[in-house]
């Protein structure tokens, strides 16, 4: 799904991350770990085409980055953990925007669109809140709305930037449950984080960054059988 060799990303002519060798296969759940400022977000934004590719080779789903057009295959949930209080829309309306890559401009939602939106809401446990204003939801619930919006595009990989930041322990536990359900549905994961504990047992690999480079790429520890 992702293959890079000596890749560099940054802004204008200034590389922030460089020498990146990374390969992510279908079915993997990869944690991108490291302290603030290590380059984690810059790397994933580079893969998403949100900053500049400044060197090296990058392929997404076997296609060179510059030629890759099926962006919906990579679902993205940004670092911000809530939607703006000024958003005047229902949960279902926000999630419906995830279907836009699959619809003609100004075309009405089809029965298939509505089915996928409903399934996305069900996966994140928000079916009963579909008609509620997003401004009435908690931070953790709003995070799940953003996940559902990404899922509505039917991605093959979900990329999340610091999903557990800024939400309480109960919301973190709820998010972990949602991500486990996505794994069972066959969605691959690349998750930027600075701590593994809230999502313990989810990952198959841990890639660690520091100072704009990958410094470790290891198999994740398997959960202990006696772990409660």
C-alpha atoms as a PDB file:
ATOM      1  CA  UNK A   1       0.000   0.000   0.000  1.00  0.00           C
ATOM      2  CA  UNK A   2       2.848   2.389   0.864  1.00  0.00           C
ATOM      3  CA  UNK A   3       6.401   2.100  -0.380  1.00  0.00           C
ATOM      4  CA  UNK A   4       9.095   4.753   0.029  1.00  0.00           C
ATOM      5  CA  UNK A   5      12.825   4.742  -0.583  1.00  0.00           C
ATOM      6  CA  UNK A   6      15.059   7.570   0.641  1.00  0.00           C
ATOM      7  CA  UNK A   7      11.983   9.832   0.568  1.00  0.00           C
ATOM      8  CA  UNK A   8      12.062  13.435   1.735  1.00  0.00           C
ATOM      9  CA  UNK A   9       9.109  15.702   2.527  1.00  0.00           C
ATOM     10  CA  UNK A  10       8.862  19.287   3.670  1.00  0.00           C
ATOM     11  CA  UNK A  11       7.760  22.757   2.690  1.00  0.00           C
ATOM     12  CA  UNK A  12       9.056  24.795  -0.254  1.00  0.00           C
ATOM     13  CA  UNK A  13      12.701  23.733  -0.552  1.00  0.00           C
ATOM     14  CA  UNK A  14      13.163  22.856   3.122  1.00  0.00           C
ATOM     15  CA  UNK A  15      13.047  19.116   3.920  1.00  0.00           C
ATOM     16  CA  UNK A  16      11.657  18.285   7.351  1.00  0.00           C
ATOM     17  CA  UNK A  17      11.923  14.509   7.034  1.00  0.00           C
ATOM     18  CA  UNK A  18      14.401  12.695   4.811  1.00  0.00           C
ATOM     19  CA  UNK A  19      15.954   9.309   4.121  1.00  0.00           C
ATOM     20  CA  UNK A  20      12.577   7.645   4.723  1.00  0.00           C
ATOM     21  CA  UNK A  21      12.436   3.940   3.871  1.00  0.00           C
ATOM     22  CA  UNK A  22       8.990   2.623   4.727  1.00  0.00           C
ATOM     23  CA  UNK A  23       6.816  -0.166   3.427  1.00  0.00           C
ATOM     24  CA  UNK A  24       3.291  -0.893   4.663  1.00  0.00           C
ATOM     25  CA  UNK A  25       1.433  -3.964   3.413  1.00  0.00           C
ATOM     26  CA  UNK A  26      -2.293  -4.646   3.331  1.00  0.00           C
ATOM     27  CA  UNK A  27      -3.602  -5.818   6.694  1.00  0.00           C
ATOM     28  CA  UNK A  28      -0.878  -4.178   8.765  1.00  0.00           C
ATOM     29  CA  UNK A  29      -1.578  -1.859  11.686  1.00  0.00           C
ATOM     30  CA  UNK A  30       1.390   0.439  12.040  1.00  0.00           C
ATOM     31  CA  UNK A  31       2.070   2.895  14.847  1.00  0.00           C
ATOM     32  CA  UNK A  32       4.241   5.859  13.876  1.00  0.00           C
ATOM     33  CA  UNK A  33       5.796   6.747  17.207  1.00  0.00           C
ATOM     34  CA  UNK A  34       8.017   9.601  18.322  1.00  0.00           C
ATOM     35  CA  UNK A  35       8.224  12.815  20.350  1.00  0.00           C
ATOM     36  CA  UNK A  36       6.687  16.103  19.268  1.00  0.00           C
ATOM     37  CA  UNK A  37       8.684  17.595  16.412  1.00  0.00           C
ATOM     38  CA  UNK A  38      10.117  14.280  15.249  1.00  0.00           C
ATOM     39  CA  UNK A  39       8.486  14.554  11.808  1.00  0.00           C
ATOM     40  CA  UNK A  40       5.599  12.096  12.163  1.00  0.00           C
ATOM     41  CA  UNK A  41       2.866  14.434  10.942  1.00  0.00           C
ATOM     42  CA  UNK A  42       5.061  15.812   8.158  1.00  0.00           C
ATOM     43  CA  UNK A  43       5.619  12.273   6.880  1.00  0.00           C
ATOM     44  CA  UNK A  44       1.957  11.303   6.760  1.00  0.00           C
ATOM     45  CA  UNK A  45       0.986  14.647   5.220  1.00  0.00           C
ATOM     46  CA  UNK A  46       3.617  14.031   2.573  1.00  0.00           C
ATOM     47  CA  UNK A  47       2.090  10.657   1.774  1.00  0.00           C
ATOM     48  CA  UNK A  48      -1.303  12.357   1.516  1.00  0.00           C
ATOM     49  CA  UNK A  49       0.017  15.055  -0.828  1.00  0.00           C
ATOM     50  CA  UNK A  50      -0.510  17.808   1.735  1.00  0.00           C
ATOM     51  CA  UNK A  51       3.097  19.037   1.671  1.00  0.00           C
ATOM     52  CA  UNK A  52       5.997  18.840  -0.774  1.00  0.00           C
ATOM     53  CA  UNK A  53       7.718  15.659  -1.932  1.00  0.00           C
ATOM     54  CA  UNK A  54      11.346  16.792  -2.123  1.00  0.00           C
ATOM     55  CA  UNK A  55      13.222  13.628  -3.024  1.00  0.00           C
ATOM     56  CA  UNK A  56      13.400   9.855  -3.141  1.00  0.00           C
ATOM     57  CA  UNK A  57      10.844   7.358  -4.399  1.00  0.00           C
ATOM     58  CA  UNK A  58       7.257   7.139  -3.148  1.00  0.00           C
ATOM     59  CA  UNK A  59       4.570   4.768  -4.393  1.00  0.00           C
ATOM     60  CA  UNK A  60       0.987   4.384  -3.178  1.00  0.00           C
ATOM     61  CA  UNK A  61      -0.821   1.206  -4.183  1.00  0.00           C
ATOM     62  CA  UNK A  62       1.908   0.614  -6.771  1.00  0.00           C
ATOM     63  CA  UNK A  63       1.559   4.070  -8.374  1.00  0.00           C
ATOM     64  CA  UNK A  64       4.184   6.845  -8.132  1.00  0.00           C
ATOM     65  CA  UNK A  65       3.020   9.604  -5.785  1.00  0.00           C
ATOM     66  CA  UNK A  66       2.946  12.284  -8.501  1.00  0.00           C
ATOM     67  CA  UNK A  67       0.593  10.139 -10.601  1.00  0.00           C
ATOM     68  CA  UNK A  68      -1.623   8.851  -7.798  1.00  0.00           C
ATOM     69  CA  UNK A  69      -5.208  10.050  -8.168  1.00  0.00           C
ATOM     70  CA  UNK A  70      -7.308   7.699  -6.025  1.00  0.00           C
ATOM     71  CA  UNK A  71      -6.785   9.678  -2.836  1.00  0.00           C
ATOM     72  CA  UNK A  72      -9.945   8.222  -1.301  1.00  0.00           C
ATOM     73  CA  UNK A  73      -8.069   4.909  -0.873  1.00  0.00           C
ATOM     74  CA  UNK A  74      -6.247   6.615   2.006  1.00  0.00           C
ATOM     75  CA  UNK A  75      -8.764   7.775   4.588  1.00  0.00           C
ATOM     76  CA  UNK A  76      -7.386  10.601   6.720  1.00  0.00           C
ATOM     77  CA  UNK A  77      -8.417  11.716  10.198  1.00  0.00           C
ATOM     78  CA  UNK A  78      -6.480  14.891  11.104  1.00  0.00           C
ATOM     79  CA  UNK A  79      -4.898  15.692  14.445  1.00  0.00           C
ATOM     80  CA  UNK A  80      -7.575  18.082  15.665  1.00  0.00           C
ATOM     81  CA  UNK A  81      -9.833  16.123  17.968  1.00  0.00           C
ATOM     82  CA  UNK A  82     -13.044  18.108  17.575  1.00  0.00           C
ATOM     83  CA  UNK A  83     -15.105  19.766  14.880  1.00  0.00           C
ATOM     84  CA  UNK A  84     -15.567  23.507  15.087  1.00  0.00           C
ATOM     85  CA  UNK A  85     -18.431  24.654  17.293  1.00  0.00           C
ATOM     86  CA  UNK A  86     -19.488  26.808  14.352  1.00  0.00           C
ATOM     87  CA  UNK A  87     -20.253  23.760  12.167  1.00  0.00           C
ATOM     88  CA  UNK A  88     -24.036  23.785  11.690  1.00  0.00           C
ATOM     89  CA  UNK A  89     -24.561  20.255  10.439  1.00  0.00           C
ATOM     90  CA  UNK A  90     -25.849  16.940  11.647  1.00  0.00           C
ATOM     91  CA  UNK A  91     -23.633  13.934  12.224  1.00  0.00           C
ATOM     92  CA  UNK A  92     -25.028  12.264   9.116  1.00  0.00           C
ATOM     93  CA  UNK A  93     -24.405  15.366   6.987  1.00  0.00           C
ATOM     94  CA  UNK A  94     -20.754  15.529   8.035  1.00  0.00           C
ATOM     95  CA  UNK A  95     -20.239  11.828   7.334  1.00  0.00           C
ATOM     96  CA  UNK A  96     -21.958  12.220   3.943  1.00  0.00           C
ATOM     97  CA  UNK A  97     -19.157  14.529   2.772  1.00  0.00           C
ATOM     98  CA  UNK A  98     -16.921  11.464   2.744  1.00  0.00           C
ATOM     99  CA  UNK A  99     -18.902  10.194  -0.258  1.00  0.00           C
ATOM    100  CA  UNK A 100     -18.057  13.212  -2.436  1.00  0.00           C
ATOM    101  CA  UNK A 101     -15.101  11.533  -4.243  1.00  0.00           C
ATOM    102  CA  UNK A 102     -17.546   8.906  -5.541  1.00  0.00           C
ATOM    103  CA  UNK A 103     -20.271  11.294  -6.735  1.00  0.00           C
ATOM    104  CA  UNK A 104     -20.674  13.659  -9.641  1.00  0.00           C
ATOM    105  CA  UNK A 105     -20.543  17.350  -8.820  1.00  0.00           C
ATOM    106  CA  UNK A 106     -23.910  18.509  -7.389  1.00  0.00           C
ATOM    107  CA  UNK A 107     -25.366  14.989  -7.695  1.00  0.00           C
ATOM    108  CA  UNK A 108     -27.769  13.921  -4.949  1.00  0.00           C
ATOM    109  CA  UNK A 109     -26.822  11.062  -2.643  1.00  0.00           C
ATOM    110  CA  UNK A 110     -27.831   7.690  -4.036  1.00  0.00           C
ATOM    111  CA  UNK A 111     -29.312   4.758  -2.156  1.00  0.00           C
ATOM    112  CA  UNK A 112     -25.835   3.204  -2.177  1.00  0.00           C
ATOM    113  CA  UNK A 113     -24.358   6.378  -0.685  1.00  0.00           C
ATOM    114  CA  UNK A 114     -26.945   6.335   2.116  1.00  0.00           C
ATOM    115  CA  UNK A 115     -26.241   2.672   2.794  1.00  0.00           C
ATOM    116  CA  UNK A 116     -22.497   3.291   3.107  1.00  0.00           C
ATOM    117  CA  UNK A 117     -23.050   6.343   5.334  1.00  0.00           C
ATOM    118  CA  UNK A 118     -25.279   4.268   7.628  1.00  0.00           C
ATOM    119  CA  UNK A 119     -22.711   1.455   7.745  1.00  0.00           C
ATOM    120  CA  UNK A 120     -19.937   3.930   8.592  1.00  0.00           C
ATOM    121  CA  UNK A 121     -21.976   5.374  11.455  1.00  0.00           C
ATOM    122  CA  UNK A 122     -22.715   1.888  12.723  1.00  0.00           C
ATOM    123  CA  UNK A 123     -19.024   0.954  12.728  1.00  0.00           C
ATOM    124  CA  UNK A 124     -18.181   3.888  14.993  1.00  0.00           C
ATOM    125  CA  UNK A 125     -21.235   3.410  17.205  1.00  0.00           C
ATOM    126  CA  UNK A 126     -23.076   6.616  16.299  1.00  0.00           C
ATOM    127  CA  UNK A 127     -26.191   5.337  14.554  1.00  0.00           C
ATOM    128  CA  UNK A 128     -28.471   6.769  17.233  1.00  0.00           C
ATOM    129  CA  UNK A 129     -26.818  10.204  16.964  1.00  0.00           C
ATOM    130  CA  UNK A 130     -27.082  10.491  13.158  1.00  0.00           C
ATOM    131  CA  UNK A 131     -29.568  13.395  13.237  1.00  0.00           C
ATOM    132  CA  UNK A 132     -27.932  15.266  16.112  1.00  0.00           C
ATOM    133  CA  UNK A 133     -25.966  18.469  15.568  1.00  0.00           C
ATOM    134  CA  UNK A 134     -22.240  17.705  15.738  1.00  0.00           C
ATOM    135  CA  UNK A 135     -21.816  20.656  18.105  1.00  0.00           C
ATOM    136  CA  UNK A 136     -23.786  18.750  20.758  1.00  0.00           C
ATOM    137  CA  UNK A 137     -21.376  15.795  20.819  1.00  0.00           C
ATOM    138  CA  UNK A 138     -18.438  15.271  23.147  1.00  0.00           C
ATOM    139  CA  UNK A 139     -14.869  15.535  21.872  1.00  0.00           C
ATOM    140  CA  UNK A 140     -14.526  11.754  21.710  1.00  0.00           C
ATOM    141  CA  UNK A 141     -17.776  11.414  19.772  1.00  0.00           C
ATOM    142  CA  UNK A 142     -16.714  14.119  17.339  1.00  0.00           C
ATOM    143  CA  UNK A 143     -13.502  12.197  16.760  1.00  0.00           C
ATOM    144  CA  UNK A 144     -15.633   9.183  15.818  1.00  0.00           C
ATOM    145  CA  UNK A 145     -17.637  11.365  13.407  1.00  0.00           C
ATOM    146  CA  UNK A 146     -14.380  12.229  11.619  1.00  0.00           C
ATOM    147  CA  UNK A 147     -13.486   8.531  11.437  1.00  0.00           C
ATOM    148  CA  UNK A 148     -16.905   7.718   9.983  1.00  0.00           C
ATOM    149  CA  UNK A 149     -16.470  10.489   7.403  1.00  0.00           C
ATOM    150  CA  UNK A 150     -13.159   8.956   6.322  1.00  0.00           C
ATOM    151  CA  UNK A 151     -14.711   5.478   6.211  1.00  0.00           C
ATOM    152  CA  UNK A 152     -17.562   6.687   4.002  1.00  0.00           C
ATOM    153  CA  UNK A 153     -15.043   7.092   1.175  1.00  0.00           C
ATOM    154  CA  UNK A 154     -14.352   3.329   1.466  1.00  0.00           C
ATOM    155  CA  UNK A 155     -10.590   3.601   2.007  1.00  0.00           C
ATOM    156  CA  UNK A 156      -8.299   0.612   2.076  1.00  0.00           C
ATOM    157  CA  UNK A 157      -6.080   2.275   4.659  1.00  0.00           C
ATOM    158  CA  UNK A 158      -6.998   4.680   7.449  1.00  0.00           C
ATOM    159  CA  UNK A 159      -4.362   7.236   8.464  1.00  0.00           C
ATOM    160  CA  UNK A 160      -4.922   8.945  11.801  1.00  0.00           C
ATOM    161  CA  UNK A 161      -2.881  11.719  13.398  1.00  0.00           C
ATOM    162  CA  UNK A 162      -2.794  11.565  17.220  1.00  0.00           C
ATOM    163  CA  UNK A 163      -6.323  10.115  17.614  1.00  0.00           C
ATOM    164  CA  UNK A 164      -6.122   9.794  21.405  1.00  0.00           C
ATOM    165  CA  UNK A 165      -4.822  13.324  22.056  1.00  0.00           C
ATOM    166  CA  UNK A 166      -7.150  15.623  23.953  1.00  0.00           C
ATOM    167  CA  UNK A 167      -9.817  13.062  24.843  1.00  0.00           C
ATOM    168  CA  UNK A 168     -10.453  11.425  28.206  1.00  0.00           C
ATOM    169  CA  UNK A 169      -9.713   7.817  29.164  1.00  0.00           C
ATOM    170  CA  UNK A 170     -13.275   6.655  28.483  1.00  0.00           C
ATOM    171  CA  UNK A 171     -13.178   8.167  24.997  1.00  0.00           C
ATOM    172  CA  UNK A 172      -9.787   6.579  24.361  1.00  0.00           C
ATOM    173  CA  UNK A 173     -11.213   3.179  25.302  1.00  0.00           C
ATOM    174  CA  UNK A 174     -14.172   3.750  22.997  1.00  0.00           C
ATOM    175  CA  UNK A 175     -11.840   4.710  20.165  1.00  0.00           C
ATOM    176  CA  UNK A 176      -9.770   1.568  20.707  1.00  0.00           C
ATOM    177  CA  UNK A 177     -12.939  -0.497  20.357  1.00  0.00           C
ATOM    178  CA  UNK A 178     -13.852   1.285  17.115  1.00  0.00           C
ATOM    179  CA  UNK A 179     -10.393   0.639  15.664  1.00  0.00           C
ATOM    180  CA  UNK A 180     -10.581  -3.037  16.597  1.00  0.00           C
ATOM    181  CA  UNK A 181     -13.861  -3.278  14.671  1.00  0.00           C
ATOM    182  CA  UNK A 182     -12.207  -1.658  11.649  1.00  0.00           C
ATOM    183  CA  UNK A 183      -9.412  -4.223  11.812  1.00  0.00           C
ATOM    184  CA  UNK A 184     -12.015  -6.996  11.701  1.00  0.00           C
ATOM    185  CA  UNK A 185     -13.493  -5.280   8.622  1.00  0.00           C
ATOM    186  CA  UNK A 186     -10.099  -5.508   6.885  1.00  0.00           C
ATOM    187  CA  UNK A 187      -9.051  -1.841   7.102  1.00  0.00           C
ATOM    188  CA  UNK A 188      -5.288  -1.297   7.386  1.00  0.00           C
ATOM    189  CA  UNK A 189      -4.084   1.376   9.814  1.00  0.00           C
ATOM    190  CA  UNK A 190      -1.246   3.897  10.005  1.00  0.00           C
ATOM    191  CA  UNK A 191      -1.578   5.829  13.244  1.00  0.00           C
ATOM    192  CA  UNK A 192       0.609   8.709  14.385  1.00  0.00           C
ATOM    193  CA  UNK A 193       0.986   8.750  18.149  1.00  0.00           C
ATOM    194  CA  UNK A 194       3.372   9.671  20.917  1.00  0.00           C
ATOM    195  CA  UNK A 195       2.113   6.931  23.239  1.00  0.00           C
ATOM    196  CA  UNK A 196       1.080   3.324  22.664  1.00  0.00           C
ATOM    197  CA  UNK A 197      -0.748   2.556  25.910  1.00  0.00           C
ATOM    198  CA  UNK A 198      -4.244   3.812  24.929  1.00  0.00           C
ATOM    199  CA  UNK A 199      -4.233   1.511  21.877  1.00  0.00           C
ATOM    200  CA  UNK A 200      -2.429  -1.440  23.453  1.00  0.00           C
ATOM    201  CA  UNK A 201      -2.675  -4.644  21.441  1.00  0.00           C
ATOM    202  CA  UNK A 202      -3.867  -2.965  18.239  1.00  0.00           C
ATOM    203  CA  UNK A 203      -0.605  -2.682  16.306  1.00  0.00           C
ATOM    204  CA  UNK A 204       1.418  -5.199  14.320  1.00  0.00           C
ATOM    205  CA  UNK A 205       4.415  -2.868  13.880  1.00  0.00           C
ATOM    206  CA  UNK A 206       5.914   0.150  15.587  1.00  0.00           C
ATOM    207  CA  UNK A 207       7.930   2.601  13.488  1.00  0.00           C
ATOM    208  CA  UNK A 208       9.820   5.169  15.569  1.00  0.00           C
ATOM    209  CA  UNK A 209      10.937   8.574  14.306  1.00  0.00           C
ATOM    210  CA  UNK A 210      13.320  11.141  15.715  1.00  0.00           C
ATOM    211  CA  UNK A 211      14.825  14.302  14.214  1.00  0.00           C
ATOM    212  CA  UNK A 212      13.076  13.772  10.882  1.00  0.00           C
ATOM    213  CA  UNK A 213      14.265  10.206  10.319  1.00  0.00           C
ATOM    214  CA  UNK A 214      13.096   6.670  11.031  1.00  0.00           C
ATOM    215  CA  UNK A 215      15.296   5.260  13.777  1.00  0.00           C
ATOM    216  CA  UNK A 216      13.510   1.932  14.420  1.00  0.00           C
ATOM    217  CA  UNK A 217      11.020  -0.356  12.684  1.00  0.00           C
ATOM    218  CA  UNK A 218      10.020  -3.352  14.791  1.00  0.00           C
ATOM    219  CA  UNK A 219       7.221  -5.840  15.275  1.00  0.00           C
ATOM    220  CA  UNK A 220       4.819  -4.769  18.001  1.00  0.00           C
ATOM    221  CA  UNK A 221       4.758  -6.751  21.206  1.00  0.00           C
ATOM    222  CA  UNK A 222       1.971  -9.313  21.265  1.00  0.00           C
ATOM    223  CA  UNK A 223      -0.585  -8.794  24.033  1.00  0.00           C
ATOM    224  CA  UNK A 224       0.058 -11.041  27.045  1.00  0.00           C
ATOM    225  CA  UNK A 225      -2.403 -13.899  27.324  1.00  0.00           C
ATOM    226  CA  UNK A 226      -2.961 -13.073  30.989  1.00  0.00           C
ATOM    227  CA  UNK A 227      -3.634  -9.413  30.229  1.00  0.00           C
ATOM    228  CA  UNK A 228      -7.083  -8.503  31.578  1.00  0.00           C
END
